[in-house]
Amino acid sequence: MKAAVVTEQGLVVKEVPVPKPGPEQVLIRLRAIGLNRADLGVAAGHKHGAMGGPGAIPGLEGAGEVVEVGSEVPDSVRPGMRVMASMAASYAEYALADWGRVAPVPDSNLSWEQAATLPIALQTMHDAVVTHGLCKPGAAIMIQGASSGVGLMGLQIARLMGASVVVGTSTNPEKRARLSEFGATLAVDTNDPAWVQQVLDATGGRGVDAVVDQISGKLVSQTLAATAILGRIVNVGRLGGAVAEFDFDLHAARRISYIGVTFRTRSVAEVREIVRRMRADLWPALTEGKLALPLDRVFHLDEVAEALAHMKANRHFGKIAMVTT
């Protein structure tokens, strides 16, 4: 099969053996692959959890047909099914996924490219917004970095779960102007010194009940100030920096729960439970077309360098995908 492999010369598309599924794994013939920012580090030779290093194949999600299943895979996953899944090493024509991460493509009209961009966003944001952010009817939720594909899904999930105030942040004016299309009731520019006050004004002075923070860095103390007493900050990403000054006194005074989440240190059983909860809450809406992500651009696997450069430039809105045929 063709795969994009990390070498000393960079990322190279070459022929490698098709992987064999273990007892609880599913072999998928990938038709499309979703791109995520973590792929940039792996493609550059860095580690991302257990992934990475020379010989690694980047990629975290994709969609295609089930080819083969392991001996302990439930009957609900069968050869020939159209599926999408989160998985390692998806920059390839074939990849393995744990059966608990595999879901049927919910709509026969959904393209492979669209389906491939959904698994990571759905899992990550349901876990952050609902499980840890405790989103419920009438809640006020803020998504820091809302114009990313994952962020746009977070906005939609918050509205679906009944949040009455949904704040999305973006420093790009064109992207910020589109956040209302995906459920934002307020879009703010975190480069504007008044942004915290804008959030407080929108929540009657309380601040938001929960923040899903994909930025962190120098914004962290301002984010604390925009969060309600007894609110929550769920740290999903660190695009603004992994190290910064933190106002511990403000954190204590507002009695904020600061929660770190990542899939890198979760067990197979934990990830299966995340996927199960997500499907229980979101699958009807997804099937009805109420949850969707804009597809910014589609590349071929042979154009992986161009696809990664496009993502690194950060000019895209929504998700980027690659196709294998």
C-alpha atoms as a PDB file:
ATOM      1  CA  MET A   1       0.000   0.000   0.000  1.00  0.00           C
ATOM      2  CA  LYS A   2       0.985   3.649  -0.340  1.00  0.00           C
ATOM      3  CA  ALA A   3       1.688   5.559   2.866  1.00  0.00           C
ATOM      4  CA  ALA A   4       3.338   8.823   3.881  1.00  0.00           C
ATOM      5  CA  VAL A   5       6.301   7.809   6.025  1.00  0.00           C
ATOM      6  CA  VAL A   6       8.606   9.916   8.201  1.00  0.00           C
ATOM      7  CA  THR A   7      12.201   9.601   6.974  1.00  0.00           C
ATOM      8  CA  GLU A   8      15.459  11.496   7.458  1.00  0.00           C
ATOM      9  CA  GLN A   9      14.631  13.279   4.204  1.00  0.00           C
ATOM     10  CA  GLY A  10      11.200  14.307   5.493  1.00  0.00           C
ATOM     11  CA  LEU A  11       7.788  12.853   4.771  1.00  0.00           C
ATOM     12  CA  VAL A  12       7.928  10.476   1.790  1.00  0.00           C
ATOM     13  CA  VAL A  13       5.039   8.649   0.103  1.00  0.00           C
ATOM     14  CA  LYS A  14       6.190   5.098  -0.566  1.00  0.00           C
ATOM     15  CA  GLU A  15       5.079   1.465  -0.637  1.00  0.00           C
ATOM     16  CA  VAL A  16       4.853  -0.307   2.744  1.00  0.00           C
ATOM     17  CA  PRO A  17       3.186  -3.566   3.855  1.00  0.00           C
ATOM     18  CA  VAL A  18      -0.536  -3.574   4.580  1.00  0.00           C
ATOM     19  CA  PRO A  19      -0.956  -3.966   8.369  1.00  0.00           C
ATOM     20  CA  LYS A  20      -2.623  -7.037   9.866  1.00  0.00           C
ATOM     21  CA  PRO A  21      -5.410  -6.582  12.421  1.00  0.00           C
ATOM     22  CA  GLY A  22      -5.003  -7.889  15.954  1.00  0.00           C
ATOM     23  CA  PRO A  23      -7.879  -9.637  17.767  1.00  0.00           C
ATOM     24  CA  GLU A  24      -9.696  -6.370  18.619  1.00  0.00           C
ATOM     25  CA  GLN A  25      -8.702  -4.364  15.553  1.00  0.00           C
ATOM     26  CA  VAL A  26     -10.356  -3.492  12.256  1.00  0.00           C
ATOM     27  CA  LEU A  27      -8.491  -3.094   8.953  1.00  0.00           C
ATOM     28  CA  ILE A  28      -9.963  -0.235   6.915  1.00  0.00           C
ATOM     29  CA  ARG A  29      -9.357   0.535   3.248  1.00  0.00           C
ATOM     30  CA  LEU A  30      -9.169   4.304   3.589  1.00  0.00           C
ATOM     31  CA  ARG A  31     -10.819   6.427   0.934  1.00  0.00           C
ATOM     32  CA  ALA A  32     -10.222   9.753   2.679  1.00  0.00           C
ATOM     33  CA  ILE A  33      -8.129  11.083   5.550  1.00  0.00           C
ATOM     34  CA  GLY A  34      -8.788  14.004   7.884  1.00  0.00           C
ATOM     35  CA  LEU A  35      -5.921  16.321   8.790  1.00  0.00           C
ATOM     36  CA  ASN A  36      -5.268  17.593  12.335  1.00  0.00           C
ATOM     37  CA  ARG A  37      -2.683  20.007  13.695  1.00  0.00           C
ATOM     38  CA  ALA A  38      -0.974  17.254  15.693  1.00  0.00           C
ATOM     39  CA  ASP A  39      -0.018  15.715  12.335  1.00  0.00           C
ATOM     40  CA  LEU A  40       2.396  18.582  11.711  1.00  0.00           C
ATOM     41  CA  GLY A  41       4.609  17.574  14.624  1.00  0.00           C
ATOM     42  CA  VAL A  42       4.607  13.889  13.715  1.00  0.00           C
ATOM     43  CA  ALA A  43       5.386  14.706  10.076  1.00  0.00           C
ATOM     44  CA  ALA A  44       8.346  16.777  11.284  1.00  0.00           C
ATOM     45  CA  GLY A  45       9.720  13.771  13.189  1.00  0.00           C
ATOM     46  CA  HIS A  46       8.443  14.615  16.677  1.00  0.00           C
ATOM     47  CA  LYS A  47       6.597  12.314  19.056  1.00  0.00           C
ATOM     48  CA  HIS A  48       2.882  12.655  19.795  1.00  0.00           C
ATOM     49  CA  GLY A  49       2.166  10.243  22.607  1.00  0.00           C
ATOM     50  CA  ALA A  50       3.153   6.783  21.376  1.00  0.00           C
ATOM     51  CA  MET A  51       3.214   8.005  17.751  1.00  0.00           C
ATOM     52  CA  GLY A  52       6.123   9.519  15.906  1.00  0.00           C
ATOM     53  CA  GLY A  53       9.775   9.135  15.074  1.00  0.00           C
ATOM     54  CA  PRO A  54      11.542   7.644  12.034  1.00  0.00           C
ATOM     55  CA  GLY A  55       9.339   5.214  10.126  1.00  0.00           C
ATOM     56  CA  ALA A  56       6.123   6.616  11.589  1.00  0.00           C
ATOM     57  CA  ILE A  57       3.026   7.221   9.490  1.00  0.00           C
ATOM     58  CA  PRO A  58       1.187  10.385  10.618  1.00  0.00           C
ATOM     59  CA  GLY A  59      -2.567  10.719  10.790  1.00  0.00           C
ATOM     60  CA  LEU A  60      -5.352  10.425  13.358  1.00  0.00           C
ATOM     61  CA  GLU A  61      -8.600   9.816  11.443  1.00  0.00           C
ATOM     62  CA  GLY A  62     -10.125   8.602   8.208  1.00  0.00           C
ATOM     63  CA  ALA A  63     -13.044   6.955   6.449  1.00  0.00           C
ATOM     64  CA  GLY A  64     -13.395   3.952   4.177  1.00  0.00           C
ATOM     65  CA  GLU A  65     -14.570   0.344   3.952  1.00  0.00           C
ATOM     66  CA  VAL A  66     -13.919  -2.405   6.477  1.00  0.00           C
ATOM     67  CA  VAL A  67     -11.709  -5.054   4.870  1.00  0.00           C
ATOM     68  CA  GLU A  68     -10.969  -7.437   7.730  1.00  0.00           C
ATOM     69  CA  VAL A  69     -11.794  -7.722  11.436  1.00  0.00           C
ATOM     70  CA  GLY A  70     -10.026  -9.428  14.309  1.00  0.00           C
ATOM     71  CA  SER A  71     -11.372 -12.511  16.055  1.00  0.00           C
ATOM     72  CA  GLU A  72     -12.711 -10.536  19.051  1.00  0.00           C
ATOM     73  CA  VAL A  73     -14.380  -7.680  17.154  1.00  0.00           C
ATOM     74  CA  PRO A  74     -18.164  -7.516  17.798  1.00  0.00           C
ATOM     75  CA  ASP A  75     -20.545  -8.459  14.983  1.00  0.00           C
ATOM     76  CA  SER A  76     -21.644  -4.809  14.758  1.00  0.00           C
ATOM     77  CA  VAL A  77     -18.479  -4.147  12.723  1.00  0.00           C
ATOM     78  CA  ARG A  78     -18.353  -6.243   9.556  1.00  0.00           C
ATOM     79  CA  PRO A  79     -16.334  -6.366   6.318  1.00  0.00           C
ATOM     80  CA  GLY A  80     -17.829  -4.169   3.626  1.00  0.00           C
ATOM     81  CA  MET A  81     -19.227  -1.533   5.998  1.00  0.00           C
ATOM     82  CA  ARG A  82     -18.728   2.158   5.215  1.00  0.00           C
ATOM     83  CA  VAL A  83     -17.084   3.483   8.358  1.00  0.00           C
ATOM     84  CA  MET A  84     -15.201   6.397   9.836  1.00  0.00           C
ATOM     85  CA  ALA A  85     -12.817   6.168  12.773  1.00  0.00           C
ATOM     86  CA  SER A  86     -10.101   7.776  14.791  1.00  0.00           C
ATOM     87  CA  MET A  87      -6.887   5.797  14.432  1.00  0.00           C
ATOM     88  CA  ALA A  88      -3.124   6.085  14.279  1.00  0.00           C
ATOM     89  CA  ALA A  89      -1.171   6.063  11.001  1.00  0.00           C
ATOM     90  CA  SER A  90      -4.060   7.148   8.759  1.00  0.00           C
ATOM     91  CA  TYR A  91      -1.881   8.810   6.081  1.00  0.00           C
ATOM     92  CA  ALA A  92      -2.109   5.594   4.098  1.00  0.00           C
ATOM     93  CA  GLU A  93      -4.339   3.489   1.872  1.00  0.00           C
ATOM     94  CA  TYR A  94      -5.008   1.044   4.732  1.00  0.00           C
ATOM     95  CA  ALA A  95      -4.988   1.556   8.505  1.00  0.00           C
ATOM     96  CA  LEU A  96      -5.930  -0.249  11.694  1.00  0.00           C
ATOM     97  CA  ALA A  97      -8.444   1.016  14.238  1.00  0.00           C
ATOM     98  CA  ASP A  98      -9.630  -0.358  17.543  1.00  0.00           C
ATOM     99  CA  TRP A  99     -13.194  -1.590  17.018  1.00  0.00           C
ATOM    100  CA  GLY A 100     -14.433   0.776  19.740  1.00  0.00           C
ATOM    101  CA  ARG A 101     -13.346   3.799  17.670  1.00  0.00           C
ATOM    102  CA  VAL A 102     -15.151   2.659  14.515  1.00  0.00           C
ATOM    103  CA  ALA A 103     -18.578   4.033  13.591  1.00  0.00           C
ATOM    104  CA  PRO A 104     -20.738   3.561  10.498  1.00  0.00           C
ATOM    105  CA  VAL A 105     -20.856   6.520   8.146  1.00  0.00           C
ATOM    106  CA  PRO A 106     -24.246   7.898   9.228  1.00  0.00           C
ATOM    107  CA  ASP A 107     -25.567   9.072   5.867  1.00  0.00           C
ATOM    108  CA  SER A 108     -25.163   7.411   2.499  1.00  0.00           C
ATOM    109  CA  ASN A 109     -24.973  10.888   0.944  1.00  0.00           C
ATOM    110  CA  LEU A 110     -22.016  11.893   3.124  1.00  0.00           C
ATOM    111  CA  SER A 111     -18.837  11.949   1.049  1.00  0.00           C
ATOM    112  CA  TRP A 112     -15.734  10.079   2.120  1.00  0.00           C
ATOM    113  CA  GLU A 113     -13.959  13.421   2.547  1.00  0.00           C
ATOM    114  CA  GLN A 114     -16.664  14.790   4.829  1.00  0.00           C
ATOM    115  CA  ALA A 115     -16.841  11.598   6.898  1.00  0.00           C
ATOM    116  CA  ALA A 116     -13.051  11.513   7.331  1.00  0.00           C
ATOM    117  CA  THR A 117     -13.024  14.929   9.022  1.00  0.00           C
ATOM    118  CA  LEU A 118     -15.548  14.084  11.757  1.00  0.00           C
ATOM    119  CA  PRO A 119     -14.184  11.468  14.230  1.00  0.00           C
ATOM    120  CA  ILE A 120     -11.587  13.569  16.084  1.00  0.00           C
ATOM    121  CA  ALA A 121     -13.806  16.651  16.258  1.00  0.00           C
ATOM    122  CA  LEU A 122     -16.807  14.685  17.534  1.00  0.00           C
ATOM    123  CA  GLN A 123     -14.844  12.738  20.153  1.00  0.00           C
ATOM    124  CA  THR A 124     -12.725  15.630  21.359  1.00  0.00           C
ATOM    125  CA  MET A 125     -15.513  18.161  21.649  1.00  0.00           C
ATOM    126  CA  HIS A 126     -18.167  15.905  23.134  1.00  0.00           C
ATOM    127  CA  ASP A 127     -15.648  14.918  25.808  1.00  0.00           C
ATOM    128  CA  ALA A 128     -14.666  18.550  26.429  1.00  0.00           C
ATOM    129  CA  VAL A 129     -18.041  20.317  26.127  1.00  0.00           C
ATOM    130  CA  VAL A 130     -20.350  17.695  27.632  1.00  0.00           C
ATOM    131  CA  THR A 131     -18.385  15.253  29.803  1.00  0.00           C
ATOM    132  CA  HIS A 132     -15.968  17.774  31.338  1.00  0.00           C
ATOM    133  CA  GLY A 133     -17.649  21.088  30.514  1.00  0.00           C
ATOM    134  CA  LEU A 134     -20.988  19.819  31.872  1.00  0.00           C
ATOM    135  CA  CYS A 135     -22.900  21.660  29.149  1.00  0.00           C
ATOM    136  CA  LYS A 136     -26.636  21.661  29.777  1.00  0.00           C
ATOM    137  CA  PRO A 137     -29.688  23.740  28.819  1.00  0.00           C
ATOM    138  CA  GLY A 138     -29.200  27.395  29.709  1.00  0.00           C
ATOM    139  CA  ALA A 139     -25.417  27.137  30.164  1.00  0.00           C
ATOM    140  CA  ALA A 140     -22.880  29.689  28.944  1.00  0.00           C
ATOM    141  CA  ILE A 141     -19.971  28.091  27.082  1.00  0.00           C
ATOM    142  CA  MET A 142     -16.876  29.594  25.429  1.00  0.00           C
ATOM    143  CA  ILE A 143     -14.700  27.905  22.798  1.00  0.00           C
ATOM    144  CA  GLN A 144     -11.218  29.440  22.607  1.00  0.00           C
ATOM    145  CA  GLY A 145      -9.938  28.952  19.051  1.00  0.00           C
ATOM    146  CA  ALA A 146     -13.414  28.408  17.649  1.00  0.00           C
ATOM    147  CA  SER A 147     -12.583  28.782  13.946  1.00  0.00           C
ATOM    148  CA  SER A 148     -10.657  25.490  13.785  1.00  0.00           C
ATOM    149  CA  GLY A 149     -12.539  22.427  12.599  1.00  0.00           C
ATOM    150  CA  VAL A 150     -12.632  21.020  16.127  1.00  0.00           C
ATOM    151  CA  GLY A 151     -13.685  24.419  17.472  1.00  0.00           C
ATOM    152  CA  LEU A 152     -16.556  24.734  14.998  1.00  0.00           C
ATOM    153  CA  MET A 153     -17.817  21.331  16.141  1.00  0.00           C
ATOM    154  CA  GLY A 154     -17.589  22.517  19.756  1.00  0.00           C
ATOM    155  CA  LEU A 155     -19.865  25.464  18.998  1.00  0.00           C
ATOM    156  CA  GLN A 156     -22.425  23.172  17.387  1.00  0.00           C
ATOM    157  CA  ILE A 157     -22.369  20.640  20.211  1.00  0.00           C
ATOM    158  CA  ALA A 158     -22.839  23.393  22.805  1.00  0.00           C
ATOM    159  CA  ARG A 159     -25.943  24.675  21.021  1.00  0.00           C
ATOM    160  CA  LEU A 160     -27.257  21.149  20.492  1.00  0.00           C
ATOM    161  CA  MET A 161     -26.941  20.463  24.227  1.00  0.00           C
ATOM    162  CA  GLY A 162     -28.962  23.577  25.014  1.00  0.00           C
ATOM    163  CA  ALA A 163     -26.385  26.263  25.859  1.00  0.00           C
ATOM    164  CA  SER A 164     -28.010  29.703  25.692  1.00  0.00           C
ATOM    165  CA  VAL A 165     -24.762  31.681  25.419  1.00  0.00           C
ATOM    166  CA  VAL A 166     -22.072  30.273  23.117  1.00  0.00           C
ATOM    167  CA  VAL A 167     -18.961  32.418  22.782  1.00  0.00           C
ATOM    168  CA  GLY A 168     -16.441  31.703  20.053  1.00  0.00           C
ATOM    169  CA  THR A 169     -13.041  33.374  19.819  1.00  0.00           C
ATOM    170  CA  SER A 170     -10.913  34.038  16.748  1.00  0.00           C
ATOM    171  CA  THR A 171      -8.335  36.705  15.954  1.00  0.00           C
ATOM    172  CA  ASN A 172      -9.073  36.460  12.221  1.00  0.00           C
ATOM    173  CA  PRO A 173     -11.889  38.859  11.265  1.00  0.00           C
ATOM    174  CA  GLU A 174     -13.103  36.838   8.258  1.00  0.00           C
ATOM    175  CA  LYS A 175     -13.230  33.606  10.270  1.00  0.00           C
ATOM    176  CA  ARG A 176     -14.754  35.360  13.270  1.00  0.00           C
ATOM    177  CA  ALA A 177     -17.563  36.702  11.098  1.00  0.00           C
ATOM    178  CA  ARG A 178     -18.605  33.152  10.223  1.00  0.00           C
ATOM    179  CA  LEU A 179     -18.785  31.711  13.748  1.00  0.00           C
ATOM    180  CA  SER A 180     -22.481  32.547  14.067  1.00  0.00           C
ATOM    181  CA  GLU A 181     -23.171  30.102  11.212  1.00  0.00           C
ATOM    182  CA  PHE A 182     -22.049  27.311  13.552  1.00  0.00           C
ATOM    183  CA  GLY A 183     -23.891  28.364  16.687  1.00  0.00           C
ATOM    184  CA  ALA A 184     -21.925  31.208  18.255  1.00  0.00           C
ATOM    185  CA  THR A 185     -24.132  33.831  19.914  1.00  0.00           C
ATOM    186  CA  LEU A 186     -21.081  36.044  20.457  1.00  0.00           C
ATOM    187  CA  ALA A 187     -17.779  36.133  18.544  1.00  0.00           C
ATOM    188  CA  VAL A 188     -14.852  37.942  20.157  1.00  0.00           C
ATOM    189  CA  ASP A 189     -11.336  38.891  19.156  1.00  0.00           C
ATOM    190  CA  THR A 190      -8.889  37.993  21.934  1.00  0.00           C
ATOM    191  CA  ASN A 191      -6.470  40.626  20.593  1.00  0.00           C
ATOM    192  CA  ASP A 192      -9.035  43.230  21.656  1.00  0.00           C
ATOM    193  CA  PRO A 193      -8.322  44.353  25.267  1.00  0.00           C
ATOM    194  CA  ALA A 194     -12.082  44.565  25.838  1.00  0.00           C
ATOM    195  CA  TRP A 195     -12.832  40.930  25.018  1.00  0.00           C
ATOM    196  CA  VAL A 196     -13.163  39.756  28.628  1.00  0.00           C
ATOM    197  CA  GLN A 197     -15.639  42.549  29.372  1.00  0.00           C
ATOM    198  CA  GLN A 198     -17.613  41.589  26.264  1.00  0.00           C
ATOM    199  CA  VAL A 199     -17.957  38.048  27.619  1.00  0.00           C
ATOM    200  CA  LEU A 200     -18.950  39.323  31.062  1.00  0.00           C
ATOM    201  CA  ASP A 201     -21.537  41.646  29.508  1.00  0.00           C
ATOM    202  CA  ALA A 202     -23.031  38.746  27.531  1.00  0.00           C
ATOM    203  CA  THR A 203     -23.415  36.693  30.717  1.00  0.00           C
ATOM    204  CA  GLY A 204     -24.851  39.341  33.019  1.00  0.00           C
ATOM    205  CA  GLY A 205     -21.459  39.866  34.664  1.00  0.00           C
ATOM    206  CA  ARG A 206     -21.078  36.215  35.718  1.00  0.00           C
ATOM    207  CA  GLY A 207     -18.720  34.893  33.082  1.00  0.00           C
ATOM    208  CA  VAL A 208     -19.135  31.621  31.243  1.00  0.00           C
ATOM    209  CA  ASP A 209     -19.862  28.359  33.027  1.00  0.00           C
ATOM    210  CA  ALA A 210     -17.222  26.507  31.005  1.00  0.00           C
ATOM    211  CA  VAL A 211     -14.387  27.237  28.600  1.00  0.00           C
ATOM    212  CA  VAL A 212     -12.984  24.762  26.104  1.00  0.00           C
ATOM    213  CA  ASP A 213      -9.502  26.223  25.680  1.00  0.00           C
ATOM    214  CA  GLN A 214      -7.500  25.343  22.594  1.00  0.00           C
ATOM    215  CA  ILE A 215      -5.187  28.373  22.905  1.00  0.00           C
ATOM    216  CA  SER A 216      -3.826  28.602  26.493  1.00  0.00           C
ATOM    217  CA  GLY A 217      -0.523  30.525  26.544  1.00  0.00           C
ATOM    218  CA  LYS A 218      -0.697  34.206  27.437  1.00  0.00           C
ATOM    219  CA  LEU A 219      -4.514  34.198  27.361  1.00  0.00           C
ATOM    220  CA  VAL A 220      -4.887  31.900  30.363  1.00  0.00           C
ATOM    221  CA  SER A 221      -5.338  34.539  33.057  1.00  0.00           C
ATOM    222  CA  GLN A 222      -7.760  36.531  30.894  1.00  0.00           C
ATOM    223  CA  THR A 223      -9.679  33.307  30.367  1.00  0.00           C
ATOM    224  CA  LEU A 224      -9.879  32.878  34.129  1.00  0.00           C
ATOM    225  CA  ALA A 225     -11.350  36.380  34.379  1.00  0.00           C
ATOM    226  CA  ALA A 226     -14.030  35.507  31.804  1.00  0.00           C
ATOM    227  CA  THR A 227     -15.058  32.340  33.665  1.00  0.00           C
ATOM    228  CA  ALA A 228     -17.806  32.271  36.292  1.00  0.00           C
ATOM    229  CA  ILE A 229     -17.259  31.482  39.962  1.00  0.00           C
ATOM    230  CA  LEU A 230     -17.317  27.664  40.211  1.00  0.00           C
ATOM    231  CA  GLY A 231     -16.868  27.504  36.438  1.00  0.00           C
ATOM    232  CA  ARG A 232     -14.629  25.122  34.504  1.00  0.00           C
ATOM    233  CA  ILE A 233     -11.779  25.474  32.046  1.00  0.00           C
ATOM    234  CA  VAL A 234     -11.102  22.389  29.940  1.00  0.00           C
ATOM    235  CA  ASN A 235      -7.600  22.572  28.482  1.00  0.00           C
ATOM    236  CA  VAL A 236      -7.688  20.872  25.083  1.00  0.00           C
ATOM    237  CA  GLY A 237      -4.893  22.636  23.191  1.00  0.00           C
ATOM    238  CA  ARG A 238      -1.982  25.002  23.547  1.00  0.00           C
ATOM    239  CA  LEU A 239      -1.746  26.780  20.205  1.00  0.00           C
ATOM    240  CA  GLY A 240      -0.866  30.021  22.012  1.00  0.00           C
ATOM    241  CA  GLY A 241       1.912  28.424  24.043  1.00  0.00           C
ATOM    242  CA  ALA A 242       2.366  25.580  26.530  1.00  0.00           C
ATOM    243  CA  VAL A 243       3.963  27.764  29.237  1.00  0.00           C
ATOM    244  CA  ALA A 244       2.652  31.080  30.553  1.00  0.00           C
ATOM    245  CA  GLU A 245       2.032  33.182  33.666  1.00  0.00           C
ATOM    246  CA  PHE A 246      -1.009  31.944  35.588  1.00  0.00           C
ATOM    247  CA  ASP A 247      -2.953  34.106  38.045  1.00  0.00           C
ATOM    248  CA  PHE A 248      -3.286  31.633  40.899  1.00  0.00           C
ATOM    249  CA  ASP A 249      -5.084  34.141  43.122  1.00  0.00           C
ATOM    250  CA  LEU A 250      -7.765  34.772  40.508  1.00  0.00           C
ATOM    251  CA  HIS A 251      -8.075  31.020  39.970  1.00  0.00           C
ATOM    252  CA  ALA A 252      -8.614  30.493  43.698  1.00  0.00           C
ATOM    253  CA  ALA A 253     -10.945  33.469  44.142  1.00  0.00           C
ATOM    254  CA  ARG A 254     -13.236  32.257  41.363  1.00  0.00           C
ATOM    255  CA  ARG A 255     -12.909  28.635  42.515  1.00  0.00           C
ATOM    256  CA  ILE A 256     -12.471  27.465  38.943  1.00  0.00           C
ATOM    257  CA  SER A 257     -11.907  23.813  38.078  1.00  0.00           C
ATOM    258  CA  TYR A 258      -9.003  23.615  35.601  1.00  0.00           C
ATOM    259  CA  ILE A 259      -9.126  20.303  33.751  1.00  0.00           C
ATOM    260  CA  GLY A 260      -6.526  18.884  31.396  1.00  0.00           C
ATOM    261  CA  VAL A 261      -7.621  16.425  28.721  1.00  0.00           C
ATOM    262  CA  THR A 262      -5.730  14.464  26.079  1.00  0.00           C
ATOM    263  CA  PHE A 263      -6.185  11.177  24.271  1.00  0.00           C
ATOM    264  CA  ARG A 264      -2.465  10.417  24.511  1.00  0.00           C
ATOM    265  CA  THR A 265      -2.619   9.009  28.053  1.00  0.00           C
ATOM    266  CA  ARG A 266      -6.039   7.364  27.863  1.00  0.00           C
ATOM    267  CA  SER A 267      -6.483   3.613  27.868  1.00  0.00           C
ATOM    268  CA  VAL A 268      -8.287   1.703  25.137  1.00  0.00           C
ATOM    269  CA  ALA A 269     -11.247   1.255  27.499  1.00  0.00           C
ATOM    270  CA  GLU A 270     -11.401   5.000  28.244  1.00  0.00           C
ATOM    271  CA  VAL A 271     -11.439   5.921  24.553  1.00  0.00           C
ATOM    272  CA  ARG A 272     -14.142   3.360  23.845  1.00  0.00           C
ATOM    273  CA  GLU A 273     -16.265   4.936  26.572  1.00  0.00           C
ATOM    274  CA  ILE A 274     -15.698   8.426  25.107  1.00  0.00           C
ATOM    275  CA  VAL A 275     -16.860   7.204  21.701  1.00  0.00           C
ATOM    276  CA  ARG A 276     -19.854   5.410  23.239  1.00  0.00           C
ATOM    277  CA  ARG A 277     -20.993   8.546  25.085  1.00  0.00           C
ATOM    278  CA  MET A 278     -20.480  10.706  22.024  1.00  0.00           C
ATOM    279  CA  ARG A 279     -22.553   8.422  19.823  1.00  0.00           C
ATOM    280  CA  ALA A 280     -25.328   8.194  22.439  1.00  0.00           C
ATOM    281  CA  ASP A 281     -25.676  11.986  22.538  1.00  0.00           C
ATOM    282  CA  LEU A 282     -24.793  13.083  19.017  1.00  0.00           C
ATOM    283  CA  TRP A 283     -25.603  10.341  16.517  1.00  0.00           C
ATOM    284  CA  PRO A 284     -29.243  11.299  15.904  1.00  0.00           C
ATOM    285  CA  ALA A 285     -28.219  14.900  15.164  1.00  0.00           C
ATOM    286  CA  LEU A 286     -25.342  13.761  12.963  1.00  0.00           C
ATOM    287  CA  THR A 287     -27.624  11.414  11.023  1.00  0.00           C
ATOM    288  CA  GLU A 288     -30.091  14.267  10.499  1.00  0.00           C
ATOM    289  CA  GLY A 289     -27.341  16.541   9.173  1.00  0.00           C
ATOM    290  CA  LYS A 290     -27.451  18.907  12.146  1.00  0.00           C
ATOM    291  CA  LEU A 291     -23.711  18.528  12.811  1.00  0.00           C
ATOM    292  CA  ALA A 292     -21.282  19.166   9.969  1.00  0.00           C
ATOM    293  CA  LEU A 293     -17.926  20.750   9.266  1.00  0.00           C
ATOM    294  CA  PRO A 294     -16.937  22.911   6.295  1.00  0.00           C
ATOM    295  CA  LEU A 295     -14.422  21.236   4.028  1.00  0.00           C
ATOM    296  CA  ASP A 296     -11.805  23.824   3.174  1.00  0.00           C
ATOM    297  CA  ARG A 297      -9.763  21.909   0.609  1.00  0.00           C
ATOM    298  CA  VAL A 298      -9.110  18.336  -0.568  1.00  0.00           C
ATOM    299  CA  PHE A 299      -5.689  17.006  -1.608  1.00  0.00           C
ATOM    300  CA  HIS A 300      -4.494  13.605  -2.824  1.00  0.00           C
ATOM    301  CA  LEU A 301      -2.260  11.493  -0.575  1.00  0.00           C
ATOM    302  CA  ASP A 302       0.538  12.086  -3.095  1.00  0.00           C
ATOM    303  CA  GLU A 303       0.166  15.814  -2.317  1.00  0.00           C
ATOM    304  CA  VAL A 304       0.701  15.340   1.425  1.00  0.00           C
ATOM    305  CA  ALA A 305       3.460  17.987   1.585  1.00  0.00           C
ATOM    306  CA  GLU A 306       1.160  20.585   0.032  1.00  0.00           C
ATOM    307  CA  ALA A 307      -1.704  19.564   2.326  1.00  0.00           C
ATOM    308  CA  LEU A 308       0.436  19.984   5.442  1.00  0.00           C
ATOM    309  CA  ALA A 309       1.796  23.321   4.215  1.00  0.00           C
ATOM    310  CA  HIS A 310      -1.775  24.529   3.690  1.00  0.00           C
ATOM    311  CA  MET A 311      -2.669  23.542   7.258  1.00  0.00           C
ATOM    312  CA  LYS A 312       0.497  25.053   8.728  1.00  0.00           C
ATOM    313  CA  ALA A 313      -0.265  28.385   7.029  1.00  0.00           C
ATOM    314  CA  ASN A 314      -3.479  28.492   9.109  1.00  0.00           C
ATOM    315  CA  ARG A 315      -5.502  30.207   6.402  1.00  0.00           C
ATOM    316  CA  HIS A 316      -8.082  27.445   6.147  1.00  0.00           C
ATOM    317  CA  PHE A 317     -11.570  27.522   7.649  1.00  0.00           C
ATOM    318  CA  GLY A 318     -12.857  24.173   8.830  1.00  0.00           C
ATOM    319  CA  LYS A 319     -11.118  20.943   7.874  1.00  0.00           C
ATOM    320  CA  ILE A 320      -8.648  19.727   5.269  1.00  0.00           C
ATOM    321  CA  ALA A 321      -8.838  16.223   3.810  1.00  0.00           C
ATOM    322  CA  MET A 322      -6.812  13.942   1.569  1.00  0.00           C
ATOM    323  CA  VAL A 323      -8.126  11.213  -0.730  1.00  0.00           C
ATOM    324  CA  THR A 324      -6.305   8.021  -1.621  1.00  0.00           C
ATOM    325  CA  THR A 325      -7.792   7.337  -5.072  1.00  0.00           C
END
